[in-house]
Amino acid sequence: MLRSPLPGIPGFKDLARVIRISTIFVAICLLAPLIILFRYSLNDFIATKKMMVEAVTVANYVRFFSEATFIPVFFYTCLLSLGAALITLVLGYPVALLLASLTGRLKYTLTLVFVIPLLMSYIMKIYAIRSLLGGNGFLNRMLIAAGIIDQPITFLIFNLYAVMITLALILLPFTMLPIFITLDRIPRQLVDASYDLGATGWQTFRRVILPLAMPGIAVVSITTFIGAYAQQFIFALTFNSKTEYMPLPIGLFAYFGRQEVVWNELMAASFVGIAPAMIVIFFLQRYLVSGLTAGAVKQ
C-alpha cells in the first residue's frame, strides 16, 4: 500500500486514498456536465407551452444535421481549428528548431521573448493584432510605403482568414515551446554522428531530428487544434463580420437572442459542437500521452 510521506499531518495518512478520492471528484466534475448536457439534448420541446419536457428522442440531432444552416457553421468551426493548428505548426517548428540550435545564454534569452506573450491578456493581444492587420494598420502602411501595394489589403481583417490568423498568432507560443523542449532534449551526439556518416543536412533532419521530435509535434497538433476549437468565440466575434462564415459558438450564442430558448436543441447543438474535440482526444490519446511523457531520448 502506498503510504503518505507526511504521516504526521492529519488527512494524509493514506496517500493512495487521497489520490482515489481526488480522481473520483475530478472525474465527476468533468463528466457530470457532459452527462447532463447529453440528457437534456434528448428532451422534447412543446411549442404551445414554450417549455422543455422530459423525453428520449434523437429528433434534435436529426434537426441539427438536416438544417442547411448548421452544416456550414459546423464545417467552418472545424476548418478554423485545423487551419490555425497547421499555421502554428508551420511557423512554430522552424523557430523552435532555430532556438534549439543555439547555445549559451542567447538560447534562453530568445526563448523568454516568446514566453512574454503568454503573460499578456487576450484583450491586449486582440487590439495589437487589429492594429497590425487593419486597413490602416502597420502591415498595410509598410507595404504601401514599400510600393508593393497601392491600396490597403482588406482580406486579412473581418473575415474567416482574420479569425484563423488571429488564433494562430495567439496559440503560436503554445506550439513553439513544447517543440523547442523536445528538440532541445535530442543529444547533439546523434546529429554529429549523422554528419560523420555522410548524411546531408536534409537527411539528418528527415531521419534523425524529425522522428525524435514527432512526440512533441503530436502533442502540439492535438492541443493546438483543441485550443483553437475552444477559443473561437471571442475572436470570431471580434474579427469576423460575415455571418455566413460564423463558427458554431457564435451560432449557439444567437439562440439567446430569441424570445424563447429551445434548450433541448441548444444542448444537442452544443454536444455536437464538442464532439470533434472529444473524438480527437479519444483516438489520439496514445500520441498525446507519449508526447507528454517522452521528450526524445535519454542522454
C-alpha atoms as a PDB file:
ATOM      1  CA  MET A   1       0.000   0.000   0.000  1.00  0.00           C
ATOM      2  CA  LEU A   2       1.211   3.464  -0.915  1.00  0.00           C
ATOM      3  CA  ARG A   3       1.763   5.497   2.231  1.00  0.00           C
ATOM      4  CA  SER A   4       1.991   9.228   2.612  1.00  0.00           C
ATOM      5  CA  PRO A   5       5.428  10.771   3.064  1.00  0.00           C
ATOM      6  CA  LEU A   6       3.797  13.074   5.642  1.00  0.00           C
ATOM      7  CA  PRO A   7       2.231  10.642   8.138  1.00  0.00           C
ATOM      8  CA  GLY A   8       2.127  13.208  10.929  1.00  0.00           C
ATOM      9  CA  ILE A   9      -0.256  15.558   9.127  1.00  0.00           C
ATOM     10  CA  PRO A  10      -3.963  14.776   9.652  1.00  0.00           C
ATOM     11  CA  GLY A  11      -5.750  13.798   6.453  1.00  0.00           C
ATOM     12  CA  PHE A  12      -2.591  12.480   4.763  1.00  0.00           C
ATOM     13  CA  LYS A  13      -2.301   9.094   6.434  1.00  0.00           C
ATOM     14  CA  ASP A  14      -3.136   7.206   3.277  1.00  0.00           C
ATOM     15  CA  LEU A  15      -1.944   8.943   0.130  1.00  0.00           C
ATOM     16  CA  ALA A  16      -3.482   6.299  -2.119  1.00  0.00           C
ATOM     17  CA  ARG A  17      -6.904   7.005  -0.644  1.00  0.00           C
ATOM     18  CA  VAL A  18      -6.471  10.715  -1.186  1.00  0.00           C
ATOM     19  CA  ILE A  19      -5.479  10.100  -4.807  1.00  0.00           C
ATOM     20  CA  ARG A  20      -8.521   7.876  -5.392  1.00  0.00           C
ATOM     21  CA  ILE A  21     -10.907  10.385  -3.856  1.00  0.00           C
ATOM     22  CA  SER A  22      -9.364  13.236  -5.825  1.00  0.00           C
ATOM     23  CA  THR A  23      -9.569  11.256  -9.062  1.00  0.00           C
ATOM     24  CA  ILE A  24     -13.228  10.400  -8.470  1.00  0.00           C
ATOM     25  CA  PHE A  25     -14.018  14.027  -7.616  1.00  0.00           C
ATOM     26  CA  VAL A  26     -12.311  15.360 -10.756  1.00  0.00           C
ATOM     27  CA  ALA A  27     -13.998  12.703 -12.904  1.00  0.00           C
ATOM     28  CA  ILE A  28     -17.412  13.655 -11.525  1.00  0.00           C
ATOM     29  CA  CYS A  29     -16.767  17.367 -12.120  1.00  0.00           C
ATOM     30  CA  LEU A  30     -15.720  16.671 -15.708  1.00  0.00           C
ATOM     31  CA  LEU A  31     -18.234  14.020 -16.686  1.00  0.00           C
ATOM     32  CA  ALA A  32     -21.363  15.201 -14.838  1.00  0.00           C
ATOM     33  CA  PRO A  33     -21.859  18.337 -17.012  1.00  0.00           C
ATOM     34  CA  LEU A  34     -21.416  16.249 -20.175  1.00  0.00           C
ATOM     35  CA  ILE A  35     -23.937  13.660 -18.989  1.00  0.00           C
ATOM     36  CA  ILE A  36     -26.465  16.358 -18.060  1.00  0.00           C
ATOM     37  CA  LEU A  37     -25.865  18.108 -21.387  1.00  0.00           C
ATOM     38  CA  PHE A  38     -26.449  14.887 -23.314  1.00  0.00           C
ATOM     39  CA  ARG A  39     -29.572  14.034 -21.302  1.00  0.00           C
ATOM     40  CA  TYR A  40     -31.146  17.437 -21.930  1.00  0.00           C
ATOM     41  CA  SER A  41     -30.336  17.131 -25.626  1.00  0.00           C
ATOM     42  CA  LEU A  42     -32.708  14.123 -25.801  1.00  0.00           C
ATOM     43  CA  ASN A  43     -35.678  16.060 -24.395  1.00  0.00           C
ATOM     44  CA  ASP A  44     -38.552  17.437 -26.415  1.00  0.00           C
ATOM     45  CA  PHE A  45     -39.955  20.954 -26.688  1.00  0.00           C
ATOM     46  CA  ILE A  46     -43.635  21.835 -26.674  1.00  0.00           C
ATOM     47  CA  ALA A  47     -44.090  24.986 -28.724  1.00  0.00           C
ATOM     48  CA  THR A  48     -47.568  25.772 -27.402  1.00  0.00           C
ATOM     49  CA  LYS A  49     -46.372  25.751 -23.806  1.00  0.00           C
ATOM     50  CA  LYS A  50     -42.913  27.092 -24.705  1.00  0.00           C
ATOM     51  CA  MET A  51     -41.238  24.651 -22.387  1.00  0.00           C
ATOM     52  CA  MET A  52     -38.932  21.639 -22.493  1.00  0.00           C
ATOM     53  CA  VAL A  53     -40.374  18.313 -21.377  1.00  0.00           C
ATOM     54  CA  GLU A  54     -38.751  15.030 -20.401  1.00  0.00           C
ATOM     55  CA  ALA A  55     -38.348  12.657 -23.340  1.00  0.00           C
ATOM     56  CA  VAL A  56     -35.872  10.386 -25.080  1.00  0.00           C
ATOM     57  CA  THR A  57     -35.621  11.358 -28.732  1.00  0.00           C
ATOM     58  CA  VAL A  58     -32.892  11.986 -31.277  1.00  0.00           C
ATOM     59  CA  ALA A  59     -35.048  14.466 -33.189  1.00  0.00           C
ATOM     60  CA  ASN A  60     -32.852  17.345 -32.025  1.00  0.00           C
ATOM     61  CA  TYR A  61     -29.763  15.760 -33.574  1.00  0.00           C
ATOM     62  CA  VAL A  62     -31.642  14.930 -36.777  1.00  0.00           C
ATOM     63  CA  ARG A  63     -32.800  18.531 -36.966  1.00  0.00           C
ATOM     64  CA  PHE A  64     -29.250  19.776 -36.445  1.00  0.00           C
ATOM     65  CA  PHE A  65     -27.837  17.783 -39.349  1.00  0.00           C
ATOM     66  CA  SER A  66     -30.861  18.278 -41.601  1.00  0.00           C
ATOM     67  CA  GLU A  67     -30.994  22.066 -41.466  1.00  0.00           C
ATOM     68  CA  ALA A  68     -28.875  23.721 -44.128  1.00  0.00           C
ATOM     69  CA  THR A  69     -27.623  26.465 -41.803  1.00  0.00           C
ATOM     70  CA  PHE A  70     -25.898  24.234 -39.261  1.00  0.00           C
ATOM     71  CA  ILE A  71     -23.688  22.103 -41.507  1.00  0.00           C
ATOM     72  CA  PRO A  72     -21.690  25.049 -42.964  1.00  0.00           C
ATOM     73  CA  VAL A  73     -21.335  26.521 -39.469  1.00  0.00           C
ATOM     74  CA  PHE A  74     -20.007  23.219 -38.150  1.00  0.00           C
ATOM     75  CA  PHE A  75     -17.697  22.915 -41.166  1.00  0.00           C
ATOM     76  CA  TYR A  76     -16.205  26.396 -40.673  1.00  0.00           C
ATOM     77  CA  THR A  77     -15.667  25.643 -36.997  1.00  0.00           C
ATOM     78  CA  CYS A  78     -13.549  22.581 -37.797  1.00  0.00           C
ATOM     79  CA  LEU A  79     -11.840  24.405 -40.669  1.00  0.00           C
ATOM     80  CA  LEU A  80     -10.763  27.250 -38.397  1.00  0.00           C
ATOM     81  CA  SER A  81      -9.265  24.835 -35.878  1.00  0.00           C
ATOM     82  CA  LEU A  82      -7.407  22.794 -38.490  1.00  0.00           C
ATOM     83  CA  GLY A  83      -6.141  25.905 -40.278  1.00  0.00           C
ATOM     84  CA  ALA A  84      -4.940  27.542 -37.069  1.00  0.00           C
ATOM     85  CA  ALA A  85      -3.190  24.322 -35.980  1.00  0.00           C
ATOM     86  CA  LEU A  86      -1.470  23.997 -39.360  1.00  0.00           C
ATOM     87  CA  ILE A  87      -0.325  27.631 -39.411  1.00  0.00           C
ATOM     88  CA  THR A  88       1.083  27.468 -35.898  1.00  0.00           C
ATOM     89  CA  LEU A  89       2.903  24.237 -36.695  1.00  0.00           C
ATOM     90  CA  VAL A  90       4.419  25.634 -39.908  1.00  0.00           C
ATOM     91  CA  LEU A  91       5.521  28.834 -38.157  1.00  0.00           C
ATOM     92  CA  GLY A  92       6.432  27.389 -34.779  1.00  0.00           C
ATOM     93  CA  TYR A  93       8.587  24.439 -35.826  1.00  0.00           C
ATOM     94  CA  PRO A  94      11.298  26.448 -37.665  1.00  0.00           C
ATOM     95  CA  VAL A  95      11.516  28.898 -34.769  1.00  0.00           C
ATOM     96  CA  ALA A  96      11.780  26.053 -32.260  1.00  0.00           C
ATOM     97  CA  LEU A  97      14.454  24.400 -34.418  1.00  0.00           C
ATOM     98  CA  LEU A  98      16.413  27.655 -34.541  1.00  0.00           C
ATOM     99  CA  LEU A  99      16.217  28.130 -30.772  1.00  0.00           C
ATOM    100  CA  ALA A 100      17.292  24.531 -30.150  1.00  0.00           C
ATOM    101  CA  SER A 101      20.331  25.012 -32.388  1.00  0.00           C
ATOM    102  CA  LEU A 102      21.562  27.966 -30.347  1.00  0.00           C
ATOM    103  CA  THR A 103      23.841  27.638 -27.344  1.00  0.00           C
ATOM    104  CA  GLY A 104      24.536  29.513 -24.153  1.00  0.00           C
ATOM    105  CA  ARG A 105      22.605  32.412 -22.747  1.00  0.00           C
ATOM    106  CA  LEU A 106      21.242  33.529 -26.137  1.00  0.00           C
ATOM    107  CA  LYS A 107      19.056  30.417 -26.413  1.00  0.00           C
ATOM    108  CA  TYR A 108      17.153  31.038 -23.188  1.00  0.00           C
ATOM    109  CA  THR A 109      17.014  34.801 -23.679  1.00  0.00           C
ATOM    110  CA  LEU A 110      15.239  34.386 -27.004  1.00  0.00           C
ATOM    111  CA  THR A 111      13.019  31.693 -25.530  1.00  0.00           C
ATOM    112  CA  LEU A 112      11.965  34.131 -22.823  1.00  0.00           C
ATOM    113  CA  VAL A 113      10.988  36.619 -25.531  1.00  0.00           C
ATOM    114  CA  PHE A 114       8.494  34.106 -26.909  1.00  0.00           C
ATOM    115  CA  VAL A 115       7.154  33.383 -23.418  1.00  0.00           C
ATOM    116  CA  ILE A 116       6.291  37.024 -22.751  1.00  0.00           C
ATOM    117  CA  PRO A 117       3.071  36.968 -24.884  1.00  0.00           C
ATOM    118  CA  LEU A 118       1.715  34.281 -22.557  1.00  0.00           C
ATOM    119  CA  LEU A 119       1.716  36.868 -19.762  1.00  0.00           C
ATOM    120  CA  MET A 120      -0.464  39.301 -21.738  1.00  0.00           C
ATOM    121  CA  SER A 121      -4.255  39.362 -21.610  1.00  0.00           C
ATOM    122  CA  TYR A 122      -6.325  38.434 -24.647  1.00  0.00           C
ATOM    123  CA  ILE A 123      -7.726  41.957 -24.874  1.00  0.00           C
ATOM    124  CA  MET A 124      -4.245  43.405 -25.363  1.00  0.00           C
ATOM    125  CA  LYS A 125      -3.448  40.762 -27.986  1.00  0.00           C
ATOM    126  CA  ILE A 126      -6.691  41.419 -29.858  1.00  0.00           C
ATOM    127  CA  TYR A 127      -6.054  45.155 -30.073  1.00  0.00           C
ATOM    128  CA  ALA A 128      -2.444  44.545 -31.104  1.00  0.00           C
ATOM    129  CA  ILE A 129      -3.458  42.168 -33.902  1.00  0.00           C
ATOM    130  CA  ARG A 130      -6.199  44.508 -35.110  1.00  0.00           C
ATOM    131  CA  SER A 131      -3.747  47.376 -35.279  1.00  0.00           C
ATOM    132  CA  LEU A 132      -1.387  45.119 -37.224  1.00  0.00           C
ATOM    133  CA  LEU A 133      -3.841  43.690 -39.773  1.00  0.00           C
ATOM    134  CA  GLY A 134      -6.331  46.555 -40.063  1.00  0.00           C
ATOM    135  CA  GLY A 135      -6.889  48.624 -43.179  1.00  0.00           C
ATOM    136  CA  ASN A 136      -4.789  51.408 -41.715  1.00  0.00           C
ATOM    137  CA  GLY A 137      -2.629  49.037 -39.715  1.00  0.00           C
ATOM    138  CA  PHE A 138       1.112  48.620 -39.520  1.00  0.00           C
ATOM    139  CA  LEU A 139       1.271  45.899 -42.188  1.00  0.00           C
ATOM    140  CA  ASN A 140      -0.645  47.880 -44.795  1.00  0.00           C
ATOM    141  CA  ARG A 141       1.329  51.045 -44.125  1.00  0.00           C
ATOM    142  CA  MET A 142       4.612  49.184 -44.541  1.00  0.00           C
ATOM    143  CA  LEU A 143       3.511  47.527 -47.791  1.00  0.00           C
ATOM    144  CA  ILE A 144       2.237  50.824 -49.220  1.00  0.00           C
ATOM    145  CA  ALA A 145       5.423  52.651 -48.196  1.00  0.00           C
ATOM    146  CA  ALA A 146       7.499  49.931 -49.875  1.00  0.00           C
ATOM    147  CA  GLY A 147       5.469  50.297 -53.066  1.00  0.00           C
ATOM    148  CA  ILE A 148       4.313  46.673 -53.013  1.00  0.00           C
ATOM    149  CA  ILE A 149       0.607  47.562 -52.966  1.00  0.00           C
ATOM    150  CA  ASP A 150      -1.386  50.674 -53.868  1.00  0.00           C
ATOM    151  CA  GLN A 151      -4.481  50.045 -51.768  1.00  0.00           C
ATOM    152  CA  PRO A 152      -4.764  48.578 -48.264  1.00  0.00           C
ATOM    153  CA  ILE A 153      -5.250  44.827 -48.049  1.00  0.00           C
ATOM    154  CA  THR A 154      -8.736  44.044 -46.764  1.00  0.00           C
ATOM    155  CA  PHE A 155      -8.873  40.235 -46.845  1.00  0.00           C
ATOM    156  CA  LEU A 156      -6.866  39.966 -43.593  1.00  0.00           C
ATOM    157  CA  ILE A 157      -9.483  41.598 -41.388  1.00  0.00           C
ATOM    158  CA  PHE A 158     -13.158  40.983 -40.570  1.00  0.00           C
ATOM    159  CA  ASN A 159     -13.436  37.607 -42.297  1.00  0.00           C
ATOM    160  CA  LEU A 160     -12.613  33.945 -41.800  1.00  0.00           C
ATOM    161  CA  TYR A 161      -8.926  34.441 -42.631  1.00  0.00           C
ATOM    162  CA  ALA A 162      -8.592  37.064 -39.904  1.00  0.00           C
ATOM    163  CA  VAL A 163     -10.027  34.681 -37.298  1.00  0.00           C
ATOM    164  CA  MET A 164      -7.712  31.886 -38.423  1.00  0.00           C
ATOM    165  CA  ILE A 165      -4.612  34.092 -38.418  1.00  0.00           C
ATOM    166  CA  THR A 166      -5.513  35.543 -35.019  1.00  0.00           C
ATOM    167  CA  LEU A 167      -5.995  32.110 -33.488  1.00  0.00           C
ATOM    168  CA  ALA A 168      -2.658  31.020 -34.949  1.00  0.00           C
ATOM    169  CA  LEU A 169      -0.823  34.047 -33.550  1.00  0.00           C
ATOM    170  CA  ILE A 170      -2.400  33.600 -30.120  1.00  0.00           C
ATOM    171  CA  LEU A 171      -1.522  29.896 -29.960  1.00  0.00           C
ATOM    172  CA  LEU A 172       1.938  30.204 -31.515  1.00  0.00           C
ATOM    173  CA  PRO A 173       3.849  30.244 -28.169  1.00  0.00           C
ATOM    174  CA  PHE A 174       1.949  27.131 -27.055  1.00  0.00           C
ATOM    175  CA  THR A 175       3.129  25.445 -30.242  1.00  0.00           C
ATOM    176  CA  MET A 176       6.720  26.590 -30.283  1.00  0.00           C
ATOM    177  CA  LEU A 177       7.682  25.915 -26.661  1.00  0.00           C
ATOM    178  CA  PRO A 178       6.793  22.176 -26.480  1.00  0.00           C
ATOM    179  CA  ILE A 179       8.572  21.544 -29.785  1.00  0.00           C
ATOM    180  CA  PHE A 180      11.590  23.511 -28.565  1.00  0.00           C
ATOM    181  CA  ILE A 181      11.753  21.428 -25.387  1.00  0.00           C
ATOM    182  CA  THR A 182      11.555  18.215 -27.429  1.00  0.00           C
ATOM    183  CA  LEU A 183      14.253  19.334 -29.857  1.00  0.00           C
ATOM    184  CA  ASP A 184      16.462  20.599 -27.058  1.00  0.00           C
ATOM    185  CA  ARG A 185      16.474  17.110 -25.478  1.00  0.00           C
ATOM    186  CA  ILE A 186      17.848  15.461 -28.602  1.00  0.00           C
ATOM    187  CA  PRO A 187      21.518  14.672 -27.883  1.00  0.00           C
ATOM    188  CA  ARG A 188      23.887  16.628 -30.067  1.00  0.00           C
ATOM    189  CA  GLN A 189      25.956  13.462 -30.485  1.00  0.00           C
ATOM    190  CA  LEU A 190      23.233  11.913 -32.654  1.00  0.00           C
ATOM    191  CA  VAL A 191      23.281  14.859 -35.043  1.00  0.00           C
ATOM    192  CA  ASP A 192      27.089  14.869 -35.175  1.00  0.00           C
ATOM    193  CA  ALA A 193      27.134  11.116 -35.808  1.00  0.00           C
ATOM    194  CA  SER A 194      24.746  11.568 -38.698  1.00  0.00           C
ATOM    195  CA  TYR A 195      27.035  14.128 -40.311  1.00  0.00           C
ATOM    196  CA  ASP A 196      30.069  11.922 -39.660  1.00  0.00           C
ATOM    197  CA  LEU A 197      28.376   9.071 -41.515  1.00  0.00           C
ATOM    198  CA  GLY A 198      27.991  11.265 -44.587  1.00  0.00           C
ATOM    199  CA  ALA A 199      24.386  12.418 -44.224  1.00  0.00           C
ATOM    200  CA  THR A 200      23.405  15.807 -45.592  1.00  0.00           C
ATOM    201  CA  GLY A 201      21.580  18.413 -43.566  1.00  0.00           C
ATOM    202  CA  TRP A 202      18.224  17.416 -45.092  1.00  0.00           C
ATOM    203  CA  GLN A 203      18.856  13.710 -44.462  1.00  0.00           C
ATOM    204  CA  THR A 204      19.828  14.422 -40.863  1.00  0.00           C
ATOM    205  CA  PHE A 205      16.677  16.438 -40.363  1.00  0.00           C
ATOM    206  CA  ARG A 206      14.407  13.864 -42.021  1.00  0.00           C
ATOM    207  CA  ARG A 207      15.880  10.698 -40.499  1.00  0.00           C
ATOM    208  CA  VAL A 208      17.174  11.856 -37.098  1.00  0.00           C
ATOM    209  CA  ILE A 209      15.692  15.116 -35.878  1.00  0.00           C
ATOM    210  CA  LEU A 210      12.141  14.849 -37.225  1.00  0.00           C
ATOM    211  CA  PRO A 211      11.425  11.293 -35.973  1.00  0.00           C
ATOM    212  CA  LEU A 212      12.705  12.151 -32.497  1.00  0.00           C
ATOM    213  CA  ALA A 213      10.593  15.332 -32.483  1.00  0.00           C
ATOM    214  CA  MET A 214       7.375  13.584 -33.547  1.00  0.00           C
ATOM    215  CA  PRO A 215       6.083  13.089 -29.960  1.00  0.00           C
ATOM    216  CA  GLY A 216       6.291  16.836 -29.377  1.00  0.00           C
ATOM    217  CA  ILE A 217       4.730  17.579 -32.765  1.00  0.00           C
ATOM    218  CA  ALA A 218       1.862  15.184 -31.997  1.00  0.00           C
ATOM    219  CA  VAL A 219       1.180  16.883 -28.661  1.00  0.00           C
ATOM    220  CA  VAL A 220       1.307  20.329 -30.244  1.00  0.00           C
ATOM    221  CA  SER A 221      -1.026  19.355 -33.090  1.00  0.00           C
ATOM    222  CA  ILE A 222      -3.632  17.931 -30.727  1.00  0.00           C
ATOM    223  CA  THR A 223      -3.508  20.681 -28.114  1.00  0.00           C
ATOM    224  CA  THR A 224      -3.460  23.462 -30.702  1.00  0.00           C
ATOM    225  CA  PHE A 225      -6.479  22.038 -32.503  1.00  0.00           C
ATOM    226  CA  ILE A 226      -8.389  21.755 -29.217  1.00  0.00           C
ATOM    227  CA  GLY A 227      -7.237  25.216 -28.112  1.00  0.00           C
ATOM    228  CA  ALA A 228      -8.315  26.793 -31.386  1.00  0.00           C
ATOM    229  CA  TYR A 229     -11.610  24.920 -31.267  1.00  0.00           C
ATOM    230  CA  ALA A 230     -12.346  26.125 -27.734  1.00  0.00           C
ATOM    231  CA  GLN A 231     -11.351  29.779 -28.197  1.00  0.00           C
ATOM    232  CA  GLN A 232     -13.199  30.729 -31.371  1.00  0.00           C
ATOM    233  CA  PHE A 233     -15.997  32.712 -29.770  1.00  0.00           C
ATOM    234  CA  ILE A 234     -14.233  35.933 -28.791  1.00  0.00           C
ATOM    235  CA  PHE A 235     -12.063  36.017 -31.925  1.00  0.00           C
ATOM    236  CA  ALA A 236     -14.913  35.299 -34.329  1.00  0.00           C
ATOM    237  CA  LEU A 237     -16.979  37.959 -32.601  1.00  0.00           C
ATOM    238  CA  THR A 238     -14.141  40.482 -32.977  1.00  0.00           C
ATOM    239  CA  PHE A 239     -12.534  39.680 -36.331  1.00  0.00           C
ATOM    240  CA  ASN A 240     -15.388  38.314 -38.455  1.00  0.00           C
ATOM    241  CA  SER A 241     -18.204  40.456 -39.792  1.00  0.00           C
ATOM    242  CA  LYS A 242     -19.578  37.924 -42.297  1.00  0.00           C
ATOM    243  CA  THR A 243     -22.499  35.984 -40.851  1.00  0.00           C
ATOM    244  CA  GLU A 244     -22.156  33.159 -43.393  1.00  0.00           C
ATOM    245  CA  TYR A 245     -18.694  32.349 -42.012  1.00  0.00           C
ATOM    246  CA  MET A 246     -19.584  32.411 -38.333  1.00  0.00           C
ATOM    247  CA  PRO A 247     -18.388  29.356 -36.362  1.00  0.00           C
ATOM    248  CA  LEU A 248     -20.574  27.244 -34.129  1.00  0.00           C
ATOM    249  CA  PRO A 249     -20.021  29.183 -30.837  1.00  0.00           C
ATOM    250  CA  ILE A 250     -21.477  32.310 -32.456  1.00  0.00           C
ATOM    251  CA  GLY A 251     -24.399  30.292 -33.803  1.00  0.00           C
ATOM    252  CA  LEU A 252     -25.110  28.919 -30.335  1.00  0.00           C
ATOM    253  CA  PHE A 253     -24.886  32.406 -28.883  1.00  0.00           C
ATOM    254  CA  ALA A 254     -27.526  33.531 -31.377  1.00  0.00           C
ATOM    255  CA  TYR A 255     -30.021  31.192 -29.710  1.00  0.00           C
ATOM    256  CA  PHE A 256     -30.181  33.543 -26.743  1.00  0.00           C
ATOM    257  CA  GLY A 257     -31.271  36.412 -28.970  1.00  0.00           C
ATOM    258  CA  ARG A 258     -34.684  34.806 -29.432  1.00  0.00           C
ATOM    259  CA  GLN A 259     -37.734  35.483 -27.317  1.00  0.00           C
ATOM    260  CA  GLU A 260     -37.674  31.834 -26.311  1.00  0.00           C
ATOM    261  CA  VAL A 261     -34.741  29.453 -25.983  1.00  0.00           C
ATOM    262  CA  VAL A 262     -35.259  25.922 -27.236  1.00  0.00           C
ATOM    263  CA  TRP A 263     -32.967  24.378 -24.667  1.00  0.00           C
ATOM    264  CA  ASN A 264     -33.059  20.830 -25.978  1.00  0.00           C
ATOM    265  CA  GLU A 265     -31.944  21.952 -29.460  1.00  0.00           C
ATOM    266  CA  LEU A 266     -29.309  24.162 -27.900  1.00  0.00           C
ATOM    267  CA  MET A 267     -27.994  21.253 -25.820  1.00  0.00           C
ATOM    268  CA  ALA A 268     -27.908  18.976 -28.876  1.00  0.00           C
ATOM    269  CA  ALA A 269     -26.001  21.563 -30.907  1.00  0.00           C
ATOM    270  CA  SER A 270     -23.604  22.094 -28.006  1.00  0.00           C
ATOM    271  CA  PHE A 271     -22.956  18.374 -27.653  1.00  0.00           C
ATOM    272  CA  VAL A 272     -22.296  18.052 -31.380  1.00  0.00           C
ATOM    273  CA  GLY A 273     -20.024  21.070 -31.112  1.00  0.00           C
ATOM    274  CA  ILE A 274     -17.752  19.479 -28.521  1.00  0.00           C
ATOM    275  CA  ALA A 275     -17.738  16.109 -30.301  1.00  0.00           C
ATOM    276  CA  PRO A 276     -14.709  16.832 -32.558  1.00  0.00           C
ATOM    277  CA  ALA A 277     -12.508  17.723 -29.592  1.00  0.00           C
ATOM    278  CA  MET A 278     -13.608  14.609 -27.689  1.00  0.00           C
ATOM    279  CA  ILE A 279     -13.020  12.415 -30.752  1.00  0.00           C
ATOM    280  CA  VAL A 280      -9.526  13.825 -31.223  1.00  0.00           C
ATOM    281  CA  ILE A 281      -8.658  13.181 -27.570  1.00  0.00           C
ATOM    282  CA  PHE A 282     -10.163   9.681 -27.597  1.00  0.00           C
ATOM    283  CA  PHE A 283      -8.460   8.399 -30.744  1.00  0.00           C
ATOM    284  CA  LEU A 284      -5.168  10.256 -30.362  1.00  0.00           C
ATOM    285  CA  GLN A 285      -4.693   9.947 -26.608  1.00  0.00           C
ATOM    286  CA  ARG A 286      -1.875   7.431 -27.139  1.00  0.00           C
ATOM    287  CA  TYR A 287       0.130  10.033 -29.050  1.00  0.00           C
ATOM    288  CA  LEU A 288      -0.799  12.702 -26.539  1.00  0.00           C
ATOM    289  CA  VAL A 289       0.427  10.654 -23.569  1.00  0.00           C
ATOM    290  CA  SER A 290       3.591   9.502 -25.338  1.00  0.00           C
ATOM    291  CA  GLY A 291       4.406  13.060 -26.333  1.00  0.00           C
ATOM    292  CA  LEU A 292       3.902  14.382 -22.831  1.00  0.00           C
ATOM    293  CA  THR A 293       5.956  11.647 -21.193  1.00  0.00           C
ATOM    294  CA  ALA A 294       8.762  11.172 -23.712  1.00  0.00           C
ATOM    295  CA  GLY A 295      10.814  14.201 -24.634  1.00  0.00           C
ATOM    296  CA  ALA A 296      13.078  12.458 -27.132  1.00  0.00           C
ATOM    297  CA  VAL A 297      15.751  10.075 -25.853  1.00  0.00           C
ATOM    298  CA  LYS A 298      17.546   9.899 -22.542  1.00  0.00           C
ATOM    299  CA  GLN A 299      21.005  11.334 -22.502  1.00  0.00           C
END
